[in-house]
Protein backbone atom coordinates (compact mmCIF):
# COMPACT_ATOMS: atom_id res chain seq x y z
CA UNK A 1 0.00 0.00 0.00
CA UNK A 2 1.19 3.51 -0.80
CA UNK A 3 1.85 6.03 1.96
CA UNK A 4 2.25 9.79 1.93
CA UNK A 5 1.02 13.09 3.33
CA UNK A 6 -2.04 15.17 2.50
CA UNK A 7 -0.95 18.02 0.21
CA UNK A 8 -4.39 19.62 -0.05
CA UNK A 9 -8.01 18.66 0.55
CA UNK A 10 -11.57 19.82 0.03
CA UNK A 11 -15.11 18.68 0.81
CA UNK A 12 -17.51 18.11 -2.09
CA UNK A 13 -21.16 18.86 -1.24
CA UNK A 14 -23.13 16.91 -3.85
CA UNK A 15 -25.59 14.49 -2.31
CA UNK A 16 -23.72 13.08 0.66
CA UNK A 17 -20.57 15.17 1.32
CA UNK A 18 -17.20 13.49 0.71
CA UNK A 19 -13.57 14.56 0.96
CA UNK A 20 -11.19 14.75 -2.01
CA UNK A 21 -7.43 14.72 -1.38
CA UNK A 22 -4.21 15.29 -3.22
CA UNK A 23 -1.57 13.14 -1.53
CA UNK A 24 2.18 13.64 -1.88
CA UNK A 25 3.44 10.06 -2.03
CA UNK A 26 6.53 8.98 -0.09
CA UNK A 27 7.76 7.25 -3.27
CA UNK A 28 7.45 10.52 -5.21
CA UNK A 29 4.70 12.20 -7.17
CA UNK A 30 1.16 13.10 -6.19
CA UNK A 31 -2.15 11.31 -6.59
CA UNK A 32 -5.77 12.44 -6.27
CA UNK A 33 -7.99 10.26 -4.13
CA UNK A 34 -10.72 10.19 -1.51
CA UNK A 35 -10.72 9.98 2.26
CA UNK A 36 -11.80 6.62 3.63
CA UNK A 37 -14.44 6.68 6.37
CA UNK A 38 -15.76 9.66 8.30
CA UNK A 39 -12.48 10.98 9.73
CA UNK A 40 -11.62 14.41 8.34
CA UNK A 41 -8.06 14.54 7.03
CA UNK A 42 -6.10 17.80 7.05
CA UNK A 43 -2.99 19.08 5.28
CA UNK A 44 0.21 17.26 6.37
CA UNK A 45 -1.65 14.27 7.87
CA UNK A 46 0.27 11.04 7.23
CA UNK A 47 -1.95 8.63 5.28
CA UNK A 48 -1.97 5.10 3.87
CA UNK A 49 -3.90 3.84 0.87
CA UNK A 50 -6.75 1.44 1.65
CA UNK A 51 -8.83 -0.90 -0.49
CA UNK A 52 -11.44 0.70 -2.78
CA UNK A 53 -14.81 1.37 -1.23
CA UNK A 54 -18.21 1.01 -2.85
CA UNK A 55 -16.76 -1.09 -5.67
CA UNK A 56 -15.38 1.96 -7.51
CA UNK A 57 -12.27 0.67 -9.30
CA UNK A 58 -9.34 2.97 -9.99
CA UNK A 59 -10.09 5.52 -7.25
CA UNK A 60 -7.53 5.40 -4.43
CA UNK A 61 -8.84 5.81 -0.88
CA UNK A 62 -6.66 6.96 2.01
CA UNK A 63 -6.96 6.81 5.79
CA UNK A 64 -4.91 8.42 8.54
CA UNK A 65 -1.85 6.47 9.75
């Protein structure tokens, strides 16, 4: 699983609100993904990639380390 730190984040308010992240990966580069669960992530939080939720392939989900 990939690890990194939250570079930036925002909440999308369409239907049920969800959080979008840009994560600076420890291995280099950045990736856009979603926060896993109900915990609000903030800039500089250390995160780890989790399995996809809701059967949406190709969208990385991250949770706080």
